[in-house]
Amino acid sequence: MSTHCNIGYRTADNGIFGTYCHFDGYFRGVGAELQLYLESNGADYLRARIYQGAMQNGFSSFTSLGGETYFEMRSESNKFIITDMYAFIHDHQYAYILELDGSLSAYSDGMKQESWFSQLES
């Protein structure tokens, strides 16, 4: 069984560009891995990796090393792009957005979770 999520970044016009991730979407899974990737590589590289993932049919999984896309895993070449903000946040139990200021926001069940990062430390 898997916990799906969406991973994306905020655009200059306050829109969203993102993609799907199949495995470990919960805070201690993809959430923690995104935060580690962000801390290690910076916002520009995370934004680029999310874009690349969308162009390669979404992520099978995401790790602090950048994750594995469906193209990398199975040579699928479709694009899996999500630009609808409502769908991005509500389609799955978890969603993560790289904000314009370089911070990472997390959503669970359609609600922004202000203290999600503190849950990783406990």
C-alpha atoms as a PDB file:
ATOM      1  CA  MET A   1       0.000   0.000   0.000  1.00  0.00           C
ATOM      2  CA  SER A   2       1.188   3.527  -0.670  1.00  0.00           C
ATOM      3  CA  THR A   3       0.466   7.030   0.579  1.00  0.00           C
ATOM      4  CA  HIS A   4       0.154   9.345  -2.409  1.00  0.00           C
ATOM      5  CA  CYS A   5       0.909  13.063  -2.340  1.00  0.00           C
ATOM      6  CA  ASN A   6       1.457  16.026  -4.612  1.00  0.00           C
ATOM      7  CA  ILE A   7       4.716  17.985  -4.728  1.00  0.00           C
ATOM      8  CA  GLY A   8       4.905  21.432  -6.291  1.00  0.00           C
ATOM      9  CA  TYR A   9       6.138  24.974  -6.215  1.00  0.00           C
ATOM     10  CA  ARG A  10       4.486  28.371  -6.149  1.00  0.00           C
ATOM     11  CA  THR A  11       4.770  30.421  -9.350  1.00  0.00           C
ATOM     12  CA  ALA A  12       5.306  34.176  -9.595  1.00  0.00           C
ATOM     13  CA  ASP A  13       1.595  34.721 -10.368  1.00  0.00           C
ATOM     14  CA  ASN A  14       0.661  32.855  -7.139  1.00  0.00           C
ATOM     15  CA  GLY A  15      -0.252  29.745  -9.093  1.00  0.00           C
ATOM     16  CA  ILE A  16       1.038  26.257  -8.536  1.00  0.00           C
ATOM     17  CA  PHE A  17       3.090  23.905 -10.679  1.00  0.00           C
ATOM     18  CA  GLY A  18       3.436  20.397  -9.405  1.00  0.00           C
ATOM     19  CA  THR A  19       3.249  16.679  -9.873  1.00  0.00           C
ATOM     20  CA  TYR A  20       2.247  13.419  -8.245  1.00  0.00           C
ATOM     21  CA  CYS A  21       4.336  11.195  -5.951  1.00  0.00           C
ATOM     22  CA  HIS A  22       3.214   7.613  -5.371  1.00  0.00           C
ATOM     23  CA  PHE A  23       4.994   6.383  -2.230  1.00  0.00           C
ATOM     24  CA  ASP A  24       5.416   7.606   1.372  1.00  0.00           C
ATOM     25  CA  GLY A  25       3.610  10.947   1.066  1.00  0.00           C
ATOM     26  CA  TYR A  26       3.205  11.460   4.817  1.00  0.00           C
ATOM     27  CA  PHE A  27       5.184  14.079   6.794  1.00  0.00           C
ATOM     28  CA  ARG A  28       7.883  11.683   8.027  1.00  0.00           C
ATOM     29  CA  GLY A  29       8.232  10.270   4.496  1.00  0.00           C
ATOM     30  CA  VAL A  30       8.198  12.630   1.527  1.00  0.00           C
ATOM     31  CA  GLY A  31       7.841  15.674   3.787  1.00  0.00           C
ATOM     32  CA  ALA A  32      11.076  14.926   5.637  1.00  0.00           C
ATOM     33  CA  GLU A  33      12.881  13.989   2.412  1.00  0.00           C
ATOM     34  CA  LEU A  34      11.808  17.219   0.679  1.00  0.00           C
ATOM     35  CA  GLN A  35      13.032  19.244   3.658  1.00  0.00           C
ATOM     36  CA  LEU A  36      16.400  17.436   3.611  1.00  0.00           C
ATOM     37  CA  TYR A  37      16.729  17.975  -0.151  1.00  0.00           C
ATOM     38  CA  LEU A  38      15.865  21.664   0.297  1.00  0.00           C
ATOM     39  CA  GLU A  39      18.417  22.111   3.106  1.00  0.00           C
ATOM     40  CA  SER A  40      21.139  20.291   1.142  1.00  0.00           C
ATOM     41  CA  ASN A  41      20.560  21.742  -2.312  1.00  0.00           C
ATOM     42  CA  GLY A  42      18.510  24.928  -1.997  1.00  0.00           C
ATOM     43  CA  ALA A  43      15.192  26.099  -3.384  1.00  0.00           C
ATOM     44  CA  ASP A  44      16.326  26.515  -7.007  1.00  0.00           C
ATOM     45  CA  TYR A  45      17.460  22.898  -7.238  1.00  0.00           C
ATOM     46  CA  LEU A  46      14.298  21.607  -5.572  1.00  0.00           C
ATOM     47  CA  ARG A  47      12.180  23.661  -7.974  1.00  0.00           C
ATOM     48  CA  ALA A  48      14.150  22.214 -10.906  1.00  0.00           C
ATOM     49  CA  ARG A  49      13.763  18.661  -9.596  1.00  0.00           C
ATOM     50  CA  ILE A  50      10.000  19.084  -9.199  1.00  0.00           C
ATOM     51  CA  TYR A  51       9.800  20.413 -12.769  1.00  0.00           C
ATOM     52  CA  GLN A  52      11.870  17.494 -14.029  1.00  0.00           C
ATOM     53  CA  GLY A  53       9.649  15.047 -12.140  1.00  0.00           C
ATOM     54  CA  ALA A  54       6.530  16.533 -13.729  1.00  0.00           C
ATOM     55  CA  MET A  55       8.084  16.244 -17.178  1.00  0.00           C
ATOM     56  CA  GLN A  56       8.931  12.580 -16.467  1.00  0.00           C
ATOM     57  CA  ASN A  57       5.442  11.382 -15.472  1.00  0.00           C
ATOM     58  CA  GLY A  58       5.648  12.217 -11.756  1.00  0.00           C
ATOM     59  CA  PHE A  59       7.587  10.587  -8.947  1.00  0.00           C
ATOM     60  CA  SER A  60       7.458   6.984  -7.933  1.00  0.00           C
ATOM     61  CA  SER A  61       9.189   8.110  -4.732  1.00  0.00           C
ATOM     62  CA  PHE A  62      11.075  11.153  -3.476  1.00  0.00           C
ATOM     63  CA  THR A  63      14.207  10.973  -1.350  1.00  0.00           C
ATOM     64  CA  SER A  64      16.788  13.485  -0.200  1.00  0.00           C
ATOM     65  CA  LEU A  65      18.800  12.362  -3.245  1.00  0.00           C
ATOM     66  CA  GLY A  66      16.028  13.625  -5.529  1.00  0.00           C
ATOM     67  CA  GLY A  67      13.759  10.642  -5.860  1.00  0.00           C
ATOM     68  CA  GLU A  68      12.913   8.424  -8.766  1.00  0.00           C
ATOM     69  CA  THR A  69      10.521   9.390 -11.544  1.00  0.00           C
ATOM     70  CA  TYR A  70       8.326   7.020 -13.479  1.00  0.00           C
ATOM     71  CA  PHE A  71      10.410   7.727 -16.584  1.00  0.00           C
ATOM     72  CA  GLU A  72      13.593   6.786 -14.736  1.00  0.00           C
ATOM     73  CA  MET A  73      11.954   3.691 -13.293  1.00  0.00           C
ATOM     74  CA  ARG A  74       9.910   2.389 -16.241  1.00  0.00           C
ATOM     75  CA  SER A  75      10.784   4.631 -19.216  1.00  0.00           C
ATOM     76  CA  GLU A  76       7.257   6.091 -19.259  1.00  0.00           C
ATOM     77  CA  SER A  77       7.398   9.397 -21.096  1.00  0.00           C
ATOM     78  CA  ASN A  78       4.041  11.032 -20.305  1.00  0.00           C
ATOM     79  CA  LYS A  79       3.845  14.300 -18.383  1.00  0.00           C
ATOM     80  CA  PHE A  80       2.001  14.495 -15.073  1.00  0.00           C
ATOM     81  CA  ILE A  81       1.519  18.200 -14.381  1.00  0.00           C
ATOM     82  CA  ILE A  82      -0.879  19.685 -11.831  1.00  0.00           C
ATOM     83  CA  THR A  83      -1.658  23.415 -12.046  1.00  0.00           C
ATOM     84  CA  ASP A  84      -5.092  23.541 -10.395  1.00  0.00           C
ATOM     85  CA  MET A  85      -4.518  24.763  -6.823  1.00  0.00           C
ATOM     86  CA  TYR A  86      -7.682  23.186  -5.419  1.00  0.00           C
ATOM     87  CA  ALA A  87      -6.949  19.805  -7.003  1.00  0.00           C
ATOM     88  CA  PHE A  88      -3.303  20.019  -5.959  1.00  0.00           C
ATOM     89  CA  ILE A  89      -4.190  20.398  -2.291  1.00  0.00           C
ATOM     90  CA  HIS A  90      -7.278  18.169  -2.168  1.00  0.00           C
ATOM     91  CA  ASP A  91      -6.551  15.234  -4.517  1.00  0.00           C
ATOM     92  CA  HIS A  92      -4.480  13.348  -1.939  1.00  0.00           C
ATOM     93  CA  GLN A  93      -4.126  13.283   1.826  1.00  0.00           C
ATOM     94  CA  TYR A  94      -0.792  15.159   1.641  1.00  0.00           C
ATOM     95  CA  ALA A  95       0.585  17.988  -0.507  1.00  0.00           C
ATOM     96  CA  TYR A  96       3.811  19.986  -0.342  1.00  0.00           C
ATOM     97  CA  ILE A  97       4.487  23.398  -1.876  1.00  0.00           C
ATOM     98  CA  LEU A  98       7.857  25.113  -2.201  1.00  0.00           C
ATOM     99  CA  GLU A  99       6.947  28.745  -1.554  1.00  0.00           C
ATOM    100  CA  LEU A 100       8.476  31.774  -3.300  1.00  0.00           C
ATOM    101  CA  ASP A 101      10.490  32.580  -0.151  1.00  0.00           C
ATOM    102  CA  GLY A 102      12.122  29.129  -0.277  1.00  0.00           C
ATOM    103  CA  SER A 103      10.147  27.618   2.600  1.00  0.00           C
ATOM    104  CA  LEU A 104       8.211  24.377   2.332  1.00  0.00           C
ATOM    105  CA  SER A 105       4.477  24.343   3.149  1.00  0.00           C
ATOM    106  CA  ALA A 106       2.626  21.128   3.922  1.00  0.00           C
ATOM    107  CA  TYR A 107      -1.054  20.279   3.618  1.00  0.00           C
ATOM    108  CA  SER A 108      -2.951  17.363   5.058  1.00  0.00           C
ATOM    109  CA  ASP A 109      -6.558  16.591   4.147  1.00  0.00           C
ATOM    110  CA  GLY A 110      -6.802  19.949   2.359  1.00  0.00           C
ATOM    111  CA  MET A 111      -5.657  22.039   5.340  1.00  0.00           C
ATOM    112  CA  LYS A 112      -2.338  23.848   5.683  1.00  0.00           C
ATOM    113  CA  GLN A 113      -0.369  22.357   8.562  1.00  0.00           C
ATOM    114  CA  GLU A 114       1.591  25.116  10.288  1.00  0.00           C
ATOM    115  CA  SER A 115       3.390  22.783  12.713  1.00  0.00           C
ATOM    116  CA  TRP A 116       4.092  19.859  10.355  1.00  0.00           C
ATOM    117  CA  PHE A 117       7.856  20.308  10.565  1.00  0.00           C
ATOM    118  CA  SER A 118       7.869  20.029  14.373  1.00  0.00           C
ATOM    119  CA  GLN A 119       6.194  16.618  13.997  1.00  0.00           C
ATOM    120  CA  LEU A 120       9.361  15.371  12.286  1.00  0.00           C
ATOM    121  CA  GLU A 121      11.475  16.146  15.332  1.00  0.00           C
ATOM    122  CA  SER A 122       9.301  14.336  17.883  1.00  0.00           C
END
